[in-house]
Amino acid sequence: MTKENAEAQTIAELQQELPITIAADSRFSSSLKPLLTELEMWLNFQALKADWYGDEEFVLNFDFTLIRSLDEKMQQLEAAGASCNTSNGSAAAWNIEKGYAYHYESSNLMTTAFIAVDDLLEAGVGIEQGIKDRLTAVANSVASEHGLLGLV
């Protein structure tokens, strides 16, 4: 095994163990992978700084997926039988905000979230900062339910 292969394998192993993961919908180019890795490391580091990992028995996990359109994804979820409103209190309820939607499962401390980028592209704002803002909004919303410090 070459040194590069060993380093790549070690990085891949570390990423699989991180409590916060970020991927992109299959319709995105694989050239986004370095940005996704950078965002993932940044968000996990922010959570580490905020002492979210202090209690190994209580670690919030997040599975973020970048998508093009939130409307399209919500239609898919509704077709699959998920409840897409915040007022019914059902276990399958999705919290929907401008540019993102998430579902928090308290039984396993797992949050599944979709981050839309179509409106960021149309608005011409800094797409990386826009994505960071949405990632932290979801993370902070779930963390606040447990009295954890918010991410910056």
N, C-alpha and C. Protein backbone atom coordinates (compact mmCIF):
# COMPACT_ATOMS: atom_id res chain seq x y z
N MET A 1 0.85 -1.18 0.00
CA MET A 1 0.00 0.00 0.00
C MET A 1 0.89 1.24 0.00
N THR A 2 0.60 2.15 -0.91
CA THR A 2 1.40 3.37 -0.97
C THR A 2 1.01 4.31 0.16
N LYS A 3 1.86 5.29 0.39
CA LYS A 3 1.61 6.25 1.45
C LYS A 3 0.33 7.04 1.17
N GLU A 4 0.10 7.43 -0.11
CA GLU A 4 -1.11 8.17 -0.46
C GLU A 4 -2.36 7.33 -0.22
N ASN A 5 -2.30 6.03 -0.59
CA ASN A 5 -3.44 5.15 -0.37
C ASN A 5 -3.73 5.00 1.13
N ALA A 6 -2.68 4.88 1.92
CA ALA A 6 -2.84 4.75 3.37
C ALA A 6 -3.46 6.01 3.95
N GLU A 7 -3.01 7.20 3.51
CA GLU A 7 -3.58 8.45 4.00
C GLU A 7 -5.03 8.60 3.57
N ALA A 8 -5.33 8.25 2.33
CA ALA A 8 -6.71 8.34 1.84
C ALA A 8 -7.62 7.39 2.61
N GLN A 9 -7.11 6.20 2.90
CA GLN A 9 -7.90 5.23 3.66
C GLN A 9 -8.15 5.75 5.08
N THR A 10 -7.14 6.32 5.71
CA THR A 10 -7.29 6.85 7.06
C THR A 10 -8.31 7.99 7.09
N ILE A 11 -8.25 8.89 6.13
CA ILE A 11 -9.21 9.99 6.05
C ILE A 11 -10.62 9.43 5.85
N ALA A 12 -10.76 8.45 4.97
CA ALA A 12 -12.07 7.85 4.72
C ALA A 12 -12.61 7.18 5.99
N GLU A 13 -11.75 6.50 6.74
CA GLU A 13 -12.18 5.87 7.99
C GLU A 13 -12.62 6.91 9.01
N LEU A 14 -11.87 8.00 9.12
CA LEU A 14 -12.24 9.07 10.05
C LEU A 14 -13.59 9.67 9.68
N GLN A 15 -13.82 9.91 8.41
CA GLN A 15 -15.06 10.52 7.98
C GLN A 15 -16.26 9.62 8.26
N GLN A 16 -16.08 8.31 8.15
CA GLN A 16 -17.18 7.39 8.41
C GLN A 16 -17.58 7.41 9.87
N GLU A 17 -16.68 7.77 10.75
CA GLU A 17 -16.96 7.78 12.17
C GLU A 17 -17.44 9.13 12.67
N LEU A 18 -17.42 10.14 11.85
CA LEU A 18 -17.84 11.47 12.28
C LEU A 18 -19.35 11.50 12.51
N PRO A 19 -19.80 12.21 13.55
CA PRO A 19 -21.23 12.27 13.81
C PRO A 19 -22.00 13.16 12.84
N ILE A 20 -21.29 14.02 12.12
CA ILE A 20 -21.94 14.89 11.14
C ILE A 20 -21.38 14.57 9.77
N THR A 21 -22.26 14.14 8.88
CA THR A 21 -21.83 13.82 7.52
C THR A 21 -22.59 14.70 6.52
N ILE A 22 -21.91 15.00 5.42
CA ILE A 22 -22.51 15.82 4.37
C ILE A 22 -22.23 15.15 3.02
N ALA A 23 -23.29 14.93 2.28
CA ALA A 23 -23.18 14.34 0.95
C ALA A 23 -23.99 15.20 -0.01
N ALA A 24 -23.92 14.87 -1.28
CA ALA A 24 -24.71 15.58 -2.28
C ALA A 24 -25.59 14.58 -3.01
N ASP A 25 -26.73 15.05 -3.42
CA ASP A 25 -27.64 14.27 -4.23
C ASP A 25 -26.89 13.72 -5.45
N SER A 26 -27.30 12.60 -5.94
CA SER A 26 -26.59 11.95 -7.05
C SER A 26 -26.58 12.79 -8.33
N ARG A 27 -27.44 13.78 -8.43
CA ARG A 27 -27.47 14.62 -9.63
C ARG A 27 -26.38 15.69 -9.65
N PHE A 28 -25.65 15.83 -8.54
CA PHE A 28 -24.54 16.78 -8.49
C PHE A 28 -23.28 16.12 -9.02
N SER A 29 -22.37 16.94 -9.48
CA SER A 29 -21.09 16.46 -9.99
C SER A 29 -20.23 15.94 -8.84
N SER A 30 -19.44 14.93 -9.13
CA SER A 30 -18.52 14.40 -8.12
C SER A 30 -17.40 15.40 -7.80
N SER A 31 -17.27 16.44 -8.61
CA SER A 31 -16.25 17.45 -8.35
C SER A 31 -16.57 18.26 -7.08
N LEU A 32 -17.77 18.10 -6.55
CA LEU A 32 -18.14 18.77 -5.30
C LEU A 32 -17.54 18.08 -4.07
N LYS A 33 -17.03 16.89 -4.23
CA LYS A 33 -16.54 16.10 -3.10
C LYS A 33 -15.56 16.86 -2.21
N PRO A 34 -14.56 17.57 -2.75
CA PRO A 34 -13.65 18.32 -1.86
C PRO A 34 -14.37 19.38 -1.02
N LEU A 35 -15.34 20.08 -1.60
CA LEU A 35 -16.09 21.07 -0.86
C LEU A 35 -16.92 20.40 0.24
N LEU A 36 -17.55 19.28 -0.08
CA LEU A 36 -18.35 18.57 0.91
C LEU A 36 -17.49 18.09 2.07
N THR A 37 -16.30 17.59 1.76
CA THR A 37 -15.38 17.14 2.80
C THR A 37 -14.97 18.32 3.68
N GLU A 38 -14.67 19.45 3.06
CA GLU A 38 -14.28 20.65 3.80
C GLU A 38 -15.41 21.11 4.72
N LEU A 39 -16.64 21.14 4.20
CA LEU A 39 -17.79 21.55 5.01
C LEU A 39 -18.03 20.58 6.17
N GLU A 40 -17.89 19.31 5.88
CA GLU A 40 -18.09 18.29 6.90
C GLU A 40 -17.08 18.43 8.04
N MET A 41 -15.81 18.61 7.68
CA MET A 41 -14.77 18.78 8.69
C MET A 41 -15.00 20.08 9.48
N TRP A 42 -15.37 21.14 8.77
CA TRP A 42 -15.63 22.42 9.43
C TRP A 42 -16.76 22.29 10.45
N LEU A 43 -17.87 21.66 10.06
CA LEU A 43 -19.03 21.56 10.95
C LEU A 43 -18.73 20.65 12.14
N ASN A 44 -18.04 19.55 11.92
CA ASN A 44 -17.66 18.68 13.03
C ASN A 44 -16.72 19.40 13.99
N PHE A 45 -15.82 20.22 13.45
CA PHE A 45 -14.91 20.97 14.30
C PHE A 45 -15.67 22.01 15.13
N GLN A 46 -16.65 22.67 14.52
CA GLN A 46 -17.48 23.63 15.26
C GLN A 46 -18.20 22.93 16.41
N ALA A 47 -18.73 21.74 16.16
CA ALA A 47 -19.42 20.99 17.20
C ALA A 47 -18.45 20.56 18.30
N LEU A 48 -17.24 20.20 17.91
CA LEU A 48 -16.22 19.83 18.89
C LEU A 48 -15.89 21.03 19.78
N LYS A 49 -15.71 22.21 19.17
CA LYS A 49 -15.41 23.43 19.94
C LYS A 49 -16.54 23.78 20.90
N ALA A 50 -17.78 23.48 20.52
CA ALA A 50 -18.93 23.78 21.36
C ALA A 50 -19.19 22.68 22.39
N ASP A 51 -18.30 21.71 22.47
CA ASP A 51 -18.37 20.61 23.43
C ASP A 51 -19.61 19.72 23.25
N TRP A 52 -19.99 19.51 22.00
CA TRP A 52 -21.12 18.63 21.74
C TRP A 52 -20.75 17.17 21.95
N TYR A 53 -19.46 16.85 21.95
CA TYR A 53 -19.04 15.45 22.05
C TYR A 53 -18.52 15.10 23.43
N GLY A 54 -18.81 15.94 24.43
CA GLY A 54 -18.30 15.73 25.78
C GLY A 54 -18.86 14.47 26.44
N ASP A 55 -20.09 14.10 26.13
CA ASP A 55 -20.71 12.91 26.69
C ASP A 55 -20.87 11.88 25.58
N GLU A 56 -20.04 10.84 25.64
CA GLU A 56 -20.04 9.83 24.57
C GLU A 56 -21.36 9.07 24.48
N GLU A 57 -22.14 9.09 25.54
CA GLU A 57 -23.44 8.41 25.53
C GLU A 57 -24.52 9.27 24.86
N PHE A 58 -24.20 10.55 24.64
CA PHE A 58 -25.17 11.47 24.07
C PHE A 58 -24.50 12.32 22.99
N VAL A 59 -24.46 11.79 21.79
CA VAL A 59 -23.86 12.51 20.67
C VAL A 59 -24.92 12.64 19.57
N LEU A 60 -25.22 13.87 19.22
CA LEU A 60 -26.15 14.12 18.13
C LEU A 60 -25.48 13.76 16.81
N ASN A 61 -26.22 13.07 15.96
CA ASN A 61 -25.73 12.70 14.63
C ASN A 61 -26.56 13.41 13.58
N PHE A 62 -25.88 13.86 12.54
CA PHE A 62 -26.55 14.57 11.45
C PHE A 62 -26.13 13.95 10.13
N ASP A 63 -27.10 13.73 9.28
CA ASP A 63 -26.86 13.24 7.93
C ASP A 63 -27.44 14.28 6.97
N PHE A 64 -26.56 15.16 6.48
CA PHE A 64 -26.97 16.23 5.57
C PHE A 64 -26.81 15.78 4.13
N THR A 65 -27.76 16.18 3.28
CA THR A 65 -27.65 15.95 1.85
C THR A 65 -27.97 17.24 1.12
N LEU A 66 -27.04 17.67 0.26
CA LEU A 66 -27.30 18.84 -0.59
C LEU A 66 -28.20 18.39 -1.73
N ILE A 67 -29.23 19.18 -1.98
CA ILE A 67 -30.15 18.89 -3.07
C ILE A 67 -30.35 20.17 -3.89
N ARG A 68 -30.86 20.01 -5.08
CA ARG A 68 -31.11 21.18 -5.91
C ARG A 68 -32.33 21.94 -5.42
N SER A 69 -33.46 21.24 -5.28
CA SER A 69 -34.72 21.91 -4.97
C SER A 69 -35.40 21.26 -3.76
N LEU A 70 -35.78 22.07 -2.82
CA LEU A 70 -36.48 21.58 -1.64
C LEU A 70 -37.89 21.13 -1.99
N ASP A 71 -38.57 21.87 -2.86
CA ASP A 71 -39.94 21.50 -3.25
C ASP A 71 -39.99 20.11 -3.83
N GLU A 72 -39.06 19.82 -4.71
CA GLU A 72 -38.99 18.50 -5.35
C GLU A 72 -38.79 17.40 -4.30
N LYS A 73 -37.89 17.60 -3.36
CA LYS A 73 -37.60 16.60 -2.34
C LYS A 73 -38.79 16.40 -1.42
N MET A 74 -39.48 17.47 -1.06
CA MET A 74 -40.64 17.35 -0.18
C MET A 74 -41.76 16.58 -0.87
N GLN A 75 -41.91 16.76 -2.18
CA GLN A 75 -42.90 15.99 -2.92
C GLN A 75 -42.56 14.50 -2.88
N GLN A 76 -41.29 14.17 -3.00
CA GLN A 76 -40.86 12.77 -2.92
C GLN A 76 -41.15 12.19 -1.54
N LEU A 77 -40.86 12.98 -0.50
CA LEU A 77 -41.11 12.51 0.87
C LEU A 77 -42.61 12.32 1.13
N GLU A 78 -43.42 13.27 0.66
CA GLU A 78 -44.86 13.14 0.83
C GLU A 78 -45.39 11.91 0.11
N ALA A 79 -44.86 11.66 -1.09
CA ALA A 79 -45.27 10.49 -1.85
C ALA A 79 -44.89 9.20 -1.11
N ALA A 80 -43.82 9.27 -0.33
CA ALA A 80 -43.37 8.10 0.44
C ALA A 80 -44.10 7.99 1.77
N GLY A 81 -45.00 8.94 2.05
CA GLY A 81 -45.81 8.86 3.26
C GLY A 81 -45.31 9.65 4.45
N ALA A 82 -44.29 10.47 4.28
CA ALA A 82 -43.79 11.28 5.39
C ALA A 82 -44.69 12.50 5.59
N SER A 83 -44.84 12.90 6.81
CA SER A 83 -45.60 14.10 7.13
C SER A 83 -44.69 15.31 6.98
N CYS A 84 -45.10 16.28 6.20
CA CYS A 84 -44.24 17.42 5.92
C CYS A 84 -44.78 18.71 6.52
N ASN A 85 -45.21 18.66 7.76
CA ASN A 85 -45.53 19.90 8.44
C ASN A 85 -45.08 19.80 9.88
N THR A 86 -44.99 20.93 10.53
CA THR A 86 -44.43 20.95 11.88
C THR A 86 -45.50 20.97 12.95
N SER A 87 -46.76 21.07 12.59
CA SER A 87 -47.79 21.26 13.61
C SER A 87 -48.42 19.98 14.12
N ASN A 88 -48.22 18.85 13.45
CA ASN A 88 -48.94 17.66 13.88
C ASN A 88 -48.22 16.86 14.96
N GLY A 89 -46.95 17.13 15.18
CA GLY A 89 -46.22 16.45 16.25
C GLY A 89 -45.96 14.97 16.01
N SER A 90 -46.22 14.48 14.81
CA SER A 90 -45.99 13.06 14.57
C SER A 90 -44.49 12.76 14.49
N ALA A 91 -44.16 11.50 14.72
CA ALA A 91 -42.76 11.09 14.74
C ALA A 91 -42.10 11.26 13.38
N ALA A 92 -42.90 11.27 12.32
CA ALA A 92 -42.33 11.37 10.98
C ALA A 92 -42.36 12.80 10.45
N ALA A 93 -42.66 13.76 11.30
CA ALA A 93 -42.80 15.15 10.84
C ALA A 93 -41.46 15.73 10.41
N TRP A 94 -41.51 16.47 9.34
CA TRP A 94 -40.34 17.19 8.83
C TRP A 94 -40.50 18.66 9.15
N ASN A 95 -39.45 19.27 9.63
CA ASN A 95 -39.43 20.70 9.87
C ASN A 95 -38.92 21.35 8.59
N ILE A 96 -39.74 22.22 8.04
CA ILE A 96 -39.40 22.83 6.76
C ILE A 96 -39.22 24.33 6.94
N GLU A 97 -38.08 24.81 6.52
CA GLU A 97 -37.76 26.24 6.56
C GLU A 97 -37.32 26.66 5.16
N LYS A 98 -37.07 27.94 4.98
CA LYS A 98 -36.62 28.41 3.67
C LYS A 98 -35.22 27.84 3.39
N GLY A 99 -35.13 26.98 2.40
CA GLY A 99 -33.84 26.44 1.97
C GLY A 99 -33.40 25.14 2.60
N TYR A 100 -34.15 24.65 3.59
CA TYR A 100 -33.77 23.37 4.18
C TYR A 100 -34.97 22.71 4.86
N ALA A 101 -34.84 21.41 5.04
CA ALA A 101 -35.84 20.63 5.76
C ALA A 101 -35.10 19.56 6.54
N TYR A 102 -35.61 19.25 7.73
CA TYR A 102 -34.96 18.21 8.53
C TYR A 102 -35.96 17.45 9.37
N HIS A 103 -35.54 16.25 9.73
CA HIS A 103 -36.33 15.37 10.58
C HIS A 103 -35.40 14.87 11.68
N TYR A 104 -35.78 15.11 12.93
CA TYR A 104 -34.97 14.68 14.07
C TYR A 104 -35.64 13.48 14.73
N GLU A 105 -34.89 12.43 14.88
CA GLU A 105 -35.36 11.21 15.51
C GLU A 105 -34.73 11.11 16.90
N SER A 106 -35.50 11.44 17.93
CA SER A 106 -34.94 11.50 19.29
C SER A 106 -34.53 10.13 19.82
N SER A 107 -35.13 9.06 19.34
CA SER A 107 -34.80 7.73 19.86
C SER A 107 -33.36 7.33 19.58
N ASN A 108 -32.79 7.82 18.47
CA ASN A 108 -31.39 7.49 18.16
C ASN A 108 -30.53 8.73 17.95
N LEU A 109 -31.05 9.90 18.35
CA LEU A 109 -30.32 11.18 18.25
C LEU A 109 -29.85 11.48 16.83
N MET A 110 -30.64 11.07 15.84
CA MET A 110 -30.25 11.20 14.43
C MET A 110 -31.13 12.23 13.73
N THR A 111 -30.48 13.13 13.02
CA THR A 111 -31.18 14.12 12.21
C THR A 111 -30.83 13.88 10.75
N THR A 112 -31.86 13.79 9.93
CA THR A 112 -31.69 13.71 8.49
C THR A 112 -32.14 15.05 7.94
N ALA A 113 -31.28 15.67 7.13
CA ALA A 113 -31.60 17.01 6.63
C ALA A 113 -31.25 17.15 5.15
N PHE A 114 -32.05 17.95 4.49
CA PHE A 114 -31.81 18.29 3.09
C PHE A 114 -31.57 19.78 2.99
N ILE A 115 -30.47 20.15 2.33
CA ILE A 115 -30.10 21.54 2.16
C ILE A 115 -30.21 21.87 0.67
N ALA A 116 -31.11 22.79 0.33
CA ALA A 116 -31.32 23.17 -1.07
C ALA A 116 -30.33 24.25 -1.48
N VAL A 117 -29.92 24.20 -2.74
CA VAL A 117 -28.97 25.21 -3.23
C VAL A 117 -29.51 26.02 -4.41
N ASP A 118 -30.66 25.62 -4.96
CA ASP A 118 -31.16 26.33 -6.15
C ASP A 118 -31.39 27.82 -5.90
N ASP A 119 -31.97 28.17 -4.76
CA ASP A 119 -32.22 29.58 -4.48
C ASP A 119 -30.93 30.34 -4.19
N LEU A 120 -29.92 29.67 -3.68
CA LEU A 120 -28.62 30.32 -3.45
C LEU A 120 -27.97 30.68 -4.78
N LEU A 121 -28.09 29.77 -5.74
CA LEU A 121 -27.52 30.02 -7.07
C LEU A 121 -28.25 31.17 -7.76
N GLU A 122 -29.58 31.19 -7.64
CA GLU A 122 -30.38 32.23 -8.28
C GLU A 122 -30.13 33.60 -7.66
N ALA A 123 -29.94 33.63 -6.34
CA ALA A 123 -29.74 34.90 -5.64
C ALA A 123 -28.34 35.46 -5.85
N GLY A 124 -27.42 34.60 -6.28
CA GLY A 124 -26.06 35.05 -6.52
C GLY A 124 -25.29 35.32 -5.24
N VAL A 125 -25.75 34.76 -4.12
CA VAL A 125 -25.03 34.93 -2.86
C VAL A 125 -23.86 33.94 -2.82
N GLY A 126 -22.97 34.12 -1.88
CA GLY A 126 -21.88 33.17 -1.74
C GLY A 126 -22.44 31.82 -1.38
N ILE A 127 -22.34 30.87 -2.29
CA ILE A 127 -23.00 29.58 -2.10
C ILE A 127 -22.42 28.82 -0.89
N GLU A 128 -21.11 28.88 -0.69
CA GLU A 128 -20.52 28.17 0.44
C GLU A 128 -21.02 28.73 1.76
N GLN A 129 -21.06 30.06 1.88
CA GLN A 129 -21.55 30.67 3.12
C GLN A 129 -23.03 30.37 3.31
N GLY A 130 -23.79 30.39 2.24
CA GLY A 130 -25.21 30.07 2.32
C GLY A 130 -25.45 28.65 2.81
N ILE A 131 -24.64 27.72 2.32
CA ILE A 131 -24.75 26.33 2.76
C ILE A 131 -24.36 26.23 4.24
N LYS A 132 -23.27 26.88 4.63
CA LYS A 132 -22.85 26.87 6.04
C LYS A 132 -23.96 27.40 6.94
N ASP A 133 -24.58 28.49 6.52
CA ASP A 133 -25.66 29.07 7.32
C ASP A 133 -26.79 28.07 7.53
N ARG A 134 -27.13 27.34 6.48
CA ARG A 134 -28.23 26.37 6.57
C ARG A 134 -27.83 25.15 7.41
N LEU A 135 -26.59 24.70 7.26
CA LEU A 135 -26.11 23.58 8.07
C LEU A 135 -26.17 23.93 9.55
N THR A 136 -25.67 25.10 9.90
CA THR A 136 -25.65 25.50 11.31
C THR A 136 -27.06 25.77 11.84
N ALA A 137 -27.95 26.27 10.98
CA ALA A 137 -29.33 26.51 11.42
C ALA A 137 -29.99 25.20 11.84
N VAL A 138 -29.81 24.16 11.04
CA VAL A 138 -30.39 22.85 11.37
C VAL A 138 -29.74 22.31 12.65
N ALA A 139 -28.42 22.31 12.69
CA ALA A 139 -27.70 21.78 13.84
C ALA A 139 -28.08 22.52 15.12
N ASN A 140 -28.13 23.84 15.06
CA ASN A 140 -28.47 24.63 16.24
C ASN A 140 -29.91 24.42 16.69
N SER A 141 -30.80 24.21 15.75
CA SER A 141 -32.20 23.99 16.10
C SER A 141 -32.34 22.70 16.92
N VAL A 142 -31.69 21.65 16.48
CA VAL A 142 -31.75 20.37 17.20
C VAL A 142 -30.98 20.48 18.52
N ALA A 143 -29.82 21.08 18.49
CA ALA A 143 -28.98 21.21 19.69
C ALA A 143 -29.68 22.01 20.78
N SER A 144 -30.43 23.04 20.39
CA SER A 144 -31.10 23.88 21.40
C SER A 144 -32.13 23.08 22.20
N GLU A 145 -32.70 22.04 21.59
CA GLU A 145 -33.65 21.18 22.31
C GLU A 145 -32.98 20.44 23.47
N HIS A 146 -31.65 20.34 23.40
CA HIS A 146 -30.91 19.59 24.41
C HIS A 146 -30.00 20.49 25.25
N GLY A 147 -30.16 21.79 25.11
CA GLY A 147 -29.40 22.72 25.91
C GLY A 147 -27.92 22.82 25.55
N LEU A 148 -27.58 22.44 24.32
CA LEU A 148 -26.19 22.53 23.87
C LEU A 148 -25.91 23.94 23.33
N LEU A 149 -24.66 24.34 23.41
CA LEU A 149 -24.25 25.63 22.86
C LEU A 149 -24.49 25.65 21.36
N GLY A 150 -24.85 26.81 20.84
CA GLY A 150 -25.04 26.96 19.41
C GLY A 150 -23.72 27.06 18.66
N LEU A 151 -23.72 26.62 17.43
CA LEU A 151 -22.54 26.72 16.58
C LEU A 151 -22.52 28.10 15.93
N VAL A 152 -21.31 28.58 15.67
CA VAL A 152 -21.16 29.91 15.07
C VAL A 152 -20.93 29.77 13.59
